[in-house]
Amino acid sequence: METESLLERNLVEQWRDLVARKTRVWNALELELDRRYGLSASEFEVLDTLSEYDCAKPPRVQQLASHVPVTQSALSRMIGRLESQHLVTRTLCNDDRRGIYVVLTDEGRALLDQARPTHRGILAAELGAPAPAVAENADATSDAALTV
């Protein structure tokens, strides 16, 4: 059996640390977003990504697929669930009838606005110190959640 070089062992260790960190953050997001808002982390990512697009030029499903860590088939099903909850709408692309645009609804934006401080707070806690405005918003959300 050939002995791994120090460089190879270091790469494997870095890889495992990266996977463990990603898993820890993702699991924390899944738990809190579901508990507080009924959203999976992937559903949150869809809503958050949609919020970055101009309403006049919404993204196609294929464009969203590059931002969400699921298959395109799973993404299509997820968009269907979000649409049934009135959080997004789908419309056919006039230029290409095979294309489907996805648009964040007012209800989707309202839920996203509620969930975003929790998401950002978890990222700050797991990945590093937050910006002061994010920390204040997350604290206000946490305080409000505790009084409910």
N, C-alpha and C. Protein backbone atom coordinates (compact mmCIF):
# COMPACT_ATOMS: atom_id res chain seq x y z
N MET A 1 0.83 -1.18 0.00
CA MET A 1 0.00 0.00 0.00
C MET A 1 0.88 1.24 0.00
N GLU A 2 0.56 2.16 -0.90
CA GLU A 2 1.36 3.37 -1.03
C GLU A 2 0.97 4.38 0.04
N THR A 3 1.93 5.02 0.62
CA THR A 3 1.69 6.01 1.66
C THR A 3 1.29 7.33 1.02
N GLU A 4 0.25 7.93 1.60
CA GLU A 4 -0.17 9.25 1.10
C GLU A 4 0.87 10.29 1.46
N SER A 5 1.03 11.22 0.57
CA SER A 5 1.94 12.32 0.87
C SER A 5 1.27 13.27 1.87
N LEU A 6 2.06 14.07 2.49
CA LEU A 6 1.55 15.08 3.42
C LEU A 6 0.57 16.02 2.72
N LEU A 7 0.88 16.38 1.48
CA LEU A 7 0.00 17.25 0.71
C LEU A 7 -1.36 16.58 0.48
N GLU A 8 -1.35 15.31 0.10
CA GLU A 8 -2.62 14.60 -0.13
C GLU A 8 -3.43 14.51 1.16
N ARG A 9 -2.78 14.19 2.26
CA ARG A 9 -3.50 14.09 3.55
C ARG A 9 -4.09 15.45 3.92
N ASN A 10 -3.33 16.50 3.67
CA ASN A 10 -3.80 17.85 3.95
C ASN A 10 -5.03 18.18 3.10
N LEU A 11 -4.99 17.83 1.83
CA LEU A 11 -6.14 18.07 0.94
C LEU A 11 -7.37 17.31 1.42
N VAL A 12 -7.19 16.05 1.78
CA VAL A 12 -8.31 15.24 2.26
C VAL A 12 -8.87 15.83 3.55
N GLU A 13 -8.01 16.26 4.44
CA GLU A 13 -8.45 16.87 5.69
C GLU A 13 -9.23 18.17 5.43
N GLN A 14 -8.73 18.99 4.52
CA GLN A 14 -9.44 20.23 4.16
C GLN A 14 -10.81 19.92 3.57
N TRP A 15 -10.86 18.92 2.70
CA TRP A 15 -12.11 18.51 2.08
C TRP A 15 -13.11 18.08 3.15
N ARG A 16 -12.69 17.23 4.06
CA ARG A 16 -13.59 16.74 5.10
C ARG A 16 -14.05 17.86 6.02
N ASP A 17 -13.15 18.79 6.33
CA ASP A 17 -13.54 19.95 7.14
C ASP A 17 -14.59 20.80 6.42
N LEU A 18 -14.39 21.00 5.12
CA LEU A 18 -15.33 21.78 4.32
C LEU A 18 -16.71 21.12 4.30
N VAL A 19 -16.73 19.82 4.07
CA VAL A 19 -18.00 19.08 4.03
C VAL A 19 -18.69 19.14 5.39
N ALA A 20 -17.93 18.95 6.46
CA ALA A 20 -18.50 18.99 7.81
C ALA A 20 -19.08 20.37 8.12
N ARG A 21 -18.36 21.41 7.76
CA ARG A 21 -18.83 22.78 8.01
C ARG A 21 -20.09 23.08 7.21
N LYS A 22 -20.08 22.71 5.94
CA LYS A 22 -21.26 22.93 5.09
C LYS A 22 -22.46 22.18 5.65
N THR A 23 -22.24 20.94 6.07
CA THR A 23 -23.33 20.13 6.62
C THR A 23 -23.87 20.75 7.91
N ARG A 24 -22.99 21.21 8.77
CA ARG A 24 -23.41 21.82 10.03
C ARG A 24 -24.26 23.07 9.77
N VAL A 25 -23.80 23.92 8.87
CA VAL A 25 -24.54 25.16 8.56
C VAL A 25 -25.88 24.82 7.91
N TRP A 26 -25.86 23.91 6.92
CA TRP A 26 -27.09 23.54 6.21
C TRP A 26 -28.12 22.95 7.17
N ASN A 27 -27.66 22.07 8.07
CA ASN A 27 -28.58 21.45 9.03
C ASN A 27 -29.18 22.49 9.98
N ALA A 28 -28.37 23.46 10.41
CA ALA A 28 -28.88 24.53 11.27
C ALA A 28 -29.93 25.36 10.52
N LEU A 29 -29.66 25.66 9.26
CA LEU A 29 -30.63 26.40 8.44
C LEU A 29 -31.92 25.60 8.27
N GLU A 30 -31.79 24.33 7.94
CA GLU A 30 -32.97 23.47 7.76
C GLU A 30 -33.85 23.48 9.01
N LEU A 31 -33.23 23.28 10.15
CA LEU A 31 -33.96 23.17 11.41
C LEU A 31 -34.71 24.46 11.74
N GLU A 32 -34.01 25.59 11.72
CA GLU A 32 -34.63 26.85 12.13
C GLU A 32 -35.60 27.40 11.10
N LEU A 33 -35.26 27.31 9.82
CA LEU A 33 -36.18 27.83 8.80
C LEU A 33 -37.47 27.03 8.77
N ASP A 34 -37.37 25.73 8.96
CA ASP A 34 -38.58 24.90 8.99
C ASP A 34 -39.39 25.18 10.26
N ARG A 35 -38.71 25.21 11.38
CA ARG A 35 -39.40 25.41 12.66
C ARG A 35 -40.11 26.76 12.72
N ARG A 36 -39.45 27.80 12.26
CA ARG A 36 -40.02 29.15 12.38
C ARG A 36 -40.93 29.56 11.22
N TYR A 37 -40.61 29.07 10.00
CA TYR A 37 -41.30 29.60 8.82
C TYR A 37 -41.87 28.53 7.90
N GLY A 38 -41.66 27.26 8.21
CA GLY A 38 -42.16 26.19 7.36
C GLY A 38 -41.45 26.08 6.03
N LEU A 39 -40.20 26.56 5.97
CA LEU A 39 -39.41 26.52 4.73
C LEU A 39 -38.21 25.60 4.90
N SER A 40 -37.88 24.88 3.85
CA SER A 40 -36.60 24.17 3.84
C SER A 40 -35.52 25.18 3.46
N ALA A 41 -34.27 24.81 3.69
CA ALA A 41 -33.17 25.70 3.31
C ALA A 41 -33.16 25.92 1.80
N SER A 42 -33.47 24.88 1.03
CA SER A 42 -33.51 25.02 -0.43
C SER A 42 -34.64 25.94 -0.87
N GLU A 43 -35.80 25.83 -0.22
CA GLU A 43 -36.91 26.73 -0.56
C GLU A 43 -36.54 28.17 -0.24
N PHE A 44 -35.89 28.38 0.89
CA PHE A 44 -35.43 29.72 1.22
C PHE A 44 -34.49 30.23 0.14
N GLU A 45 -33.56 29.40 -0.32
CA GLU A 45 -32.60 29.81 -1.35
C GLU A 45 -33.31 30.22 -2.63
N VAL A 46 -34.38 29.50 -2.99
CA VAL A 46 -35.15 29.86 -4.18
C VAL A 46 -35.77 31.24 -3.99
N LEU A 47 -36.44 31.46 -2.86
CA LEU A 47 -37.08 32.76 -2.60
C LEU A 47 -36.04 33.88 -2.54
N ASP A 48 -34.94 33.63 -1.86
CA ASP A 48 -33.89 34.65 -1.72
C ASP A 48 -33.28 34.98 -3.08
N THR A 49 -33.03 33.97 -3.89
CA THR A 49 -32.48 34.19 -5.23
C THR A 49 -33.47 34.96 -6.09
N LEU A 50 -34.75 34.59 -6.03
CA LEU A 50 -35.76 35.31 -6.82
C LEU A 50 -35.83 36.78 -6.43
N SER A 51 -35.61 37.08 -5.16
CA SER A 51 -35.71 38.47 -4.70
C SER A 51 -34.62 39.35 -5.31
N GLU A 52 -33.57 38.74 -5.83
CA GLU A 52 -32.47 39.49 -6.43
C GLU A 52 -32.72 39.85 -7.89
N TYR A 53 -33.78 39.29 -8.48
CA TYR A 53 -34.09 39.56 -9.88
C TYR A 53 -35.08 40.71 -10.01
N ASP A 54 -34.97 41.44 -11.09
CA ASP A 54 -35.91 42.50 -11.43
C ASP A 54 -37.22 41.82 -11.83
N CYS A 55 -38.33 42.30 -11.29
CA CYS A 55 -39.64 41.71 -11.60
C CYS A 55 -39.95 41.76 -13.10
N ALA A 56 -39.41 42.76 -13.78
CA ALA A 56 -39.66 42.89 -15.22
C ALA A 56 -38.87 41.85 -16.03
N LYS A 57 -37.86 41.26 -15.43
CA LYS A 57 -37.04 40.27 -16.13
C LYS A 57 -36.77 39.09 -15.18
N PRO A 58 -37.80 38.29 -14.91
CA PRO A 58 -37.63 37.18 -13.96
C PRO A 58 -36.76 36.07 -14.55
N PRO A 59 -36.21 35.23 -13.69
CA PRO A 59 -35.36 34.14 -14.17
C PRO A 59 -36.18 32.96 -14.66
N ARG A 60 -35.56 32.17 -15.49
CA ARG A 60 -36.13 30.88 -15.88
C ARG A 60 -35.73 29.85 -14.83
N VAL A 61 -36.42 28.73 -14.84
CA VAL A 61 -36.12 27.65 -13.91
C VAL A 61 -34.65 27.24 -14.04
N GLN A 62 -34.14 27.17 -15.26
CA GLN A 62 -32.75 26.77 -15.48
C GLN A 62 -31.78 27.72 -14.79
N GLN A 63 -32.09 29.01 -14.78
CA GLN A 63 -31.22 29.98 -14.11
C GLN A 63 -31.21 29.76 -12.60
N LEU A 64 -32.36 29.43 -12.04
CA LEU A 64 -32.43 29.16 -10.61
C LEU A 64 -31.64 27.91 -10.24
N ALA A 65 -31.62 26.95 -11.13
CA ALA A 65 -30.96 25.66 -10.85
C ALA A 65 -29.49 25.84 -10.49
N SER A 66 -28.85 26.86 -11.01
CA SER A 66 -27.44 27.07 -10.70
C SER A 66 -27.23 27.66 -9.30
N HIS A 67 -28.30 28.10 -8.65
CA HIS A 67 -28.19 28.73 -7.33
C HIS A 67 -28.68 27.84 -6.19
N VAL A 68 -29.36 26.75 -6.51
CA VAL A 68 -29.97 25.91 -5.49
C VAL A 68 -29.39 24.50 -5.60
N PRO A 69 -28.94 23.94 -4.48
CA PRO A 69 -28.26 22.64 -4.53
C PRO A 69 -29.20 21.44 -4.64
N VAL A 70 -30.03 21.43 -5.69
CA VAL A 70 -30.90 20.29 -5.98
C VAL A 70 -30.90 20.07 -7.49
N THR A 71 -31.39 18.91 -7.91
CA THR A 71 -31.49 18.65 -9.35
C THR A 71 -32.57 19.52 -9.96
N GLN A 72 -32.54 19.67 -11.28
CA GLN A 72 -33.55 20.50 -11.93
C GLN A 72 -34.94 19.89 -11.75
N SER A 73 -35.03 18.57 -11.74
CA SER A 73 -36.30 17.90 -11.52
C SER A 73 -36.83 18.21 -10.12
N ALA A 74 -35.97 18.11 -9.11
CA ALA A 74 -36.38 18.43 -7.74
C ALA A 74 -36.75 19.91 -7.62
N LEU A 75 -36.02 20.76 -8.32
CA LEU A 75 -36.32 22.19 -8.30
C LEU A 75 -37.70 22.46 -8.89
N SER A 76 -38.03 21.79 -9.98
CA SER A 76 -39.36 21.97 -10.59
C SER A 76 -40.46 21.57 -9.62
N ARG A 77 -40.27 20.46 -8.91
CA ARG A 77 -41.27 20.04 -7.91
C ARG A 77 -41.35 21.05 -6.76
N MET A 78 -40.19 21.55 -6.34
CA MET A 78 -40.15 22.53 -5.26
C MET A 78 -40.89 23.81 -5.68
N ILE A 79 -40.66 24.26 -6.89
CA ILE A 79 -41.35 25.45 -7.39
C ILE A 79 -42.86 25.21 -7.41
N GLY A 80 -43.27 24.01 -7.77
CA GLY A 80 -44.69 23.66 -7.73
C GLY A 80 -45.26 23.78 -6.32
N ARG A 81 -44.51 23.30 -5.32
CA ARG A 81 -44.97 23.42 -3.92
C ARG A 81 -45.03 24.89 -3.50
N LEU A 82 -44.01 25.66 -3.86
CA LEU A 82 -44.00 27.08 -3.51
C LEU A 82 -45.16 27.81 -4.19
N GLU A 83 -45.47 27.40 -5.41
CA GLU A 83 -46.59 28.02 -6.13
C GLU A 83 -47.91 27.66 -5.46
N SER A 84 -48.06 26.43 -5.00
CA SER A 84 -49.31 26.03 -4.33
C SER A 84 -49.50 26.78 -3.01
N GLN A 85 -48.41 27.27 -2.44
CA GLN A 85 -48.47 28.07 -1.20
C GLN A 85 -48.56 29.57 -1.51
N HIS A 86 -48.66 29.90 -2.81
CA HIS A 86 -48.79 31.29 -3.28
C HIS A 86 -47.54 32.13 -2.98
N LEU A 87 -46.37 31.48 -2.92
CA LEU A 87 -45.12 32.19 -2.65
C LEU A 87 -44.41 32.58 -3.95
N VAL A 88 -44.68 31.84 -5.03
CA VAL A 88 -44.13 32.15 -6.36
C VAL A 88 -45.22 31.89 -7.40
N THR A 89 -45.02 32.44 -8.58
CA THR A 89 -45.88 32.11 -9.73
C THR A 89 -44.97 31.70 -10.88
N ARG A 90 -45.53 30.88 -11.76
CA ARG A 90 -44.81 30.47 -12.97
C ARG A 90 -45.58 30.99 -14.18
N THR A 91 -44.83 31.49 -15.16
CA THR A 91 -45.44 31.93 -16.41
C THR A 91 -44.61 31.42 -17.57
N LEU A 92 -45.28 31.16 -18.70
CA LEU A 92 -44.57 30.71 -19.89
C LEU A 92 -43.79 31.85 -20.51
N CYS A 93 -42.65 31.51 -21.04
CA CYS A 93 -41.81 32.47 -21.75
C CYS A 93 -42.41 32.67 -23.15
N ASN A 94 -42.70 33.90 -23.51
CA ASN A 94 -43.29 34.18 -24.82
C ASN A 94 -42.33 33.89 -25.96
N ASP A 95 -41.03 34.10 -25.74
CA ASP A 95 -40.03 33.89 -26.79
C ASP A 95 -39.78 32.41 -27.05
N ASP A 96 -39.88 31.60 -26.01
CA ASP A 96 -39.57 30.18 -26.11
C ASP A 96 -40.58 29.44 -25.25
N ARG A 97 -41.56 28.84 -25.87
CA ARG A 97 -42.66 28.22 -25.13
C ARG A 97 -42.21 27.08 -24.22
N ARG A 98 -40.97 26.63 -24.38
CA ARG A 98 -40.46 25.60 -23.48
C ARG A 98 -39.97 26.21 -22.17
N GLY A 99 -39.68 27.50 -22.19
CA GLY A 99 -39.14 28.17 -21.01
C GLY A 99 -40.23 28.60 -20.05
N ILE A 100 -39.91 28.55 -18.76
CA ILE A 100 -40.85 28.97 -17.73
C ILE A 100 -40.15 29.98 -16.82
N TYR A 101 -40.79 31.13 -16.63
CA TYR A 101 -40.28 32.14 -15.71
C TYR A 101 -40.85 31.87 -14.32
N VAL A 102 -40.09 32.22 -13.31
CA VAL A 102 -40.55 32.10 -11.93
C VAL A 102 -40.47 33.48 -11.29
N VAL A 103 -41.56 33.89 -10.64
CA VAL A 103 -41.66 35.22 -10.05
C VAL A 103 -42.04 35.10 -8.58
N LEU A 104 -41.38 35.86 -7.74
CA LEU A 104 -41.69 35.92 -6.32
C LEU A 104 -42.97 36.73 -6.14
N THR A 105 -43.95 36.19 -5.41
CA THR A 105 -45.19 36.92 -5.15
C THR A 105 -45.01 37.84 -3.95
N ASP A 106 -46.00 38.69 -3.72
CA ASP A 106 -45.96 39.55 -2.53
C ASP A 106 -45.93 38.71 -1.26
N GLU A 107 -46.70 37.61 -1.25
CA GLU A 107 -46.70 36.72 -0.08
C GLU A 107 -45.33 36.08 0.11
N GLY A 108 -44.72 35.68 -0.99
CA GLY A 108 -43.38 35.10 -0.92
C GLY A 108 -42.36 36.09 -0.41
N ARG A 109 -42.47 37.33 -0.87
CA ARG A 109 -41.54 38.37 -0.42
C ARG A 109 -41.73 38.66 1.07
N ALA A 110 -42.98 38.66 1.53
CA ALA A 110 -43.26 38.92 2.95
C ALA A 110 -42.66 37.80 3.82
N LEU A 111 -42.84 36.55 3.41
CA LEU A 111 -42.27 35.44 4.17
C LEU A 111 -40.75 35.50 4.15
N LEU A 112 -40.20 35.80 2.99
CA LEU A 112 -38.74 35.93 2.87
C LEU A 112 -38.22 37.03 3.80
N ASP A 113 -38.91 38.16 3.83
CA ASP A 113 -38.48 39.27 4.69
C ASP A 113 -38.50 38.87 6.17
N GLN A 114 -39.44 38.00 6.55
CA GLN A 114 -39.47 37.51 7.92
C GLN A 114 -38.34 36.52 8.19
N ALA A 115 -38.07 35.65 7.22
CA ALA A 115 -37.10 34.57 7.41
C ALA A 115 -35.65 35.00 7.21
N ARG A 116 -35.43 36.03 6.44
CA ARG A 116 -34.04 36.43 6.11
C ARG A 116 -33.18 36.72 7.34
N PRO A 117 -33.66 37.45 8.36
CA PRO A 117 -32.79 37.68 9.53
C PRO A 117 -32.37 36.39 10.23
N THR A 118 -33.25 35.40 10.27
CA THR A 118 -32.89 34.11 10.86
C THR A 118 -31.80 33.45 10.03
N HIS A 119 -31.97 33.45 8.72
CA HIS A 119 -30.98 32.87 7.81
C HIS A 119 -29.63 33.55 7.99
N ARG A 120 -29.64 34.88 7.94
CA ARG A 120 -28.39 35.63 8.04
C ARG A 120 -27.76 35.47 9.43
N GLY A 121 -28.59 35.38 10.45
CA GLY A 121 -28.08 35.17 11.80
C GLY A 121 -27.37 33.84 11.95
N ILE A 122 -27.94 32.80 11.35
CA ILE A 122 -27.31 31.48 11.39
C ILE A 122 -25.99 31.51 10.63
N LEU A 123 -25.99 32.14 9.46
CA LEU A 123 -24.74 32.25 8.70
C LEU A 123 -23.68 32.99 9.51
N ALA A 124 -24.08 34.07 10.16
CA ALA A 124 -23.13 34.84 10.96
C ALA A 124 -22.60 34.01 12.13
N ALA A 125 -23.48 33.29 12.79
CA ALA A 125 -23.06 32.49 13.94
C ALA A 125 -22.14 31.35 13.53
N GLU A 126 -22.42 30.75 12.40
CA GLU A 126 -21.65 29.58 11.96
C GLU A 126 -20.40 29.93 11.16
N LEU A 127 -20.45 31.06 10.44
CA LEU A 127 -19.35 31.38 9.52
C LEU A 127 -18.50 32.57 9.94
N GLY A 128 -18.97 33.36 10.87
CA GLY A 128 -18.17 34.51 11.28
C GLY A 128 -19.02 35.61 11.85
N ALA A 129 -18.38 36.66 12.29
CA ALA A 129 -19.06 37.78 12.92
C ALA A 129 -19.92 38.53 11.91
N PRO A 130 -21.13 38.92 12.31
CA PRO A 130 -22.03 39.64 11.41
C PRO A 130 -21.71 41.12 11.35
N ALA A 131 -22.21 41.74 10.32
CA ALA A 131 -22.20 43.20 10.25
C ALA A 131 -23.15 43.71 11.31
N PRO A 132 -22.92 44.87 11.91
CA PRO A 132 -23.76 45.37 13.00
C PRO A 132 -25.25 45.42 12.66
N ALA A 133 -25.63 45.88 11.47
CA ALA A 133 -27.05 45.98 11.11
C ALA A 133 -27.69 44.60 11.07
N VAL A 134 -26.97 43.60 10.58
CA VAL A 134 -27.51 42.24 10.52
C VAL A 134 -27.69 41.72 11.93
N ALA A 135 -26.73 41.96 12.80
CA ALA A 135 -26.81 41.49 14.18
C ALA A 135 -28.00 42.11 14.90
N GLU A 136 -28.22 43.41 14.73
CA GLU A 136 -29.35 44.07 15.38
C GLU A 136 -30.67 43.52 14.88
N ASN A 137 -30.79 43.30 13.58
CA ASN A 137 -32.02 42.77 13.00
C ASN A 137 -32.26 41.35 13.49
N ALA A 138 -31.22 40.53 13.56
CA ALA A 138 -31.35 39.16 14.03
C ALA A 138 -31.75 39.14 15.49
N ASP A 139 -31.19 40.05 16.31
CA ASP A 139 -31.55 40.12 17.72
C ASP A 139 -33.01 40.50 17.89
N ALA A 140 -33.48 41.45 17.10
CA ALA A 140 -34.88 41.87 17.18
C ALA A 140 -35.80 40.72 16.79
N THR A 141 -35.42 39.97 15.77
CA THR A 141 -36.22 38.82 15.35
C THR A 141 -36.23 37.75 16.42
N SER A 142 -35.08 37.48 17.02
CA SER A 142 -34.99 36.48 18.08
C SER A 142 -35.84 36.89 19.27
N ASP A 143 -35.77 38.17 19.67
CA ASP A 143 -36.56 38.67 20.78
C ASP A 143 -38.05 38.54 20.49
N ALA A 144 -38.44 38.88 19.26
CA ALA A 144 -39.85 38.79 18.88
C ALA A 144 -40.31 37.34 18.89
N ALA A 145 -39.47 36.43 18.44
CA ALA A 145 -39.83 35.01 18.42
C ALA A 145 -40.00 34.47 19.83
N LEU A 146 -39.20 34.96 20.78
CA LEU A 146 -39.28 34.49 22.15
C LEU A 146 -40.54 34.98 22.85
N THR A 147 -41.07 36.12 22.44
CA THR A 147 -42.26 36.67 23.09
C THR A 147 -43.55 36.12 22.52
N VAL A 148 -43.48 35.37 21.43
CA VAL A 148 -44.69 34.84 20.80
C VAL A 148 -45.19 33.65 21.57
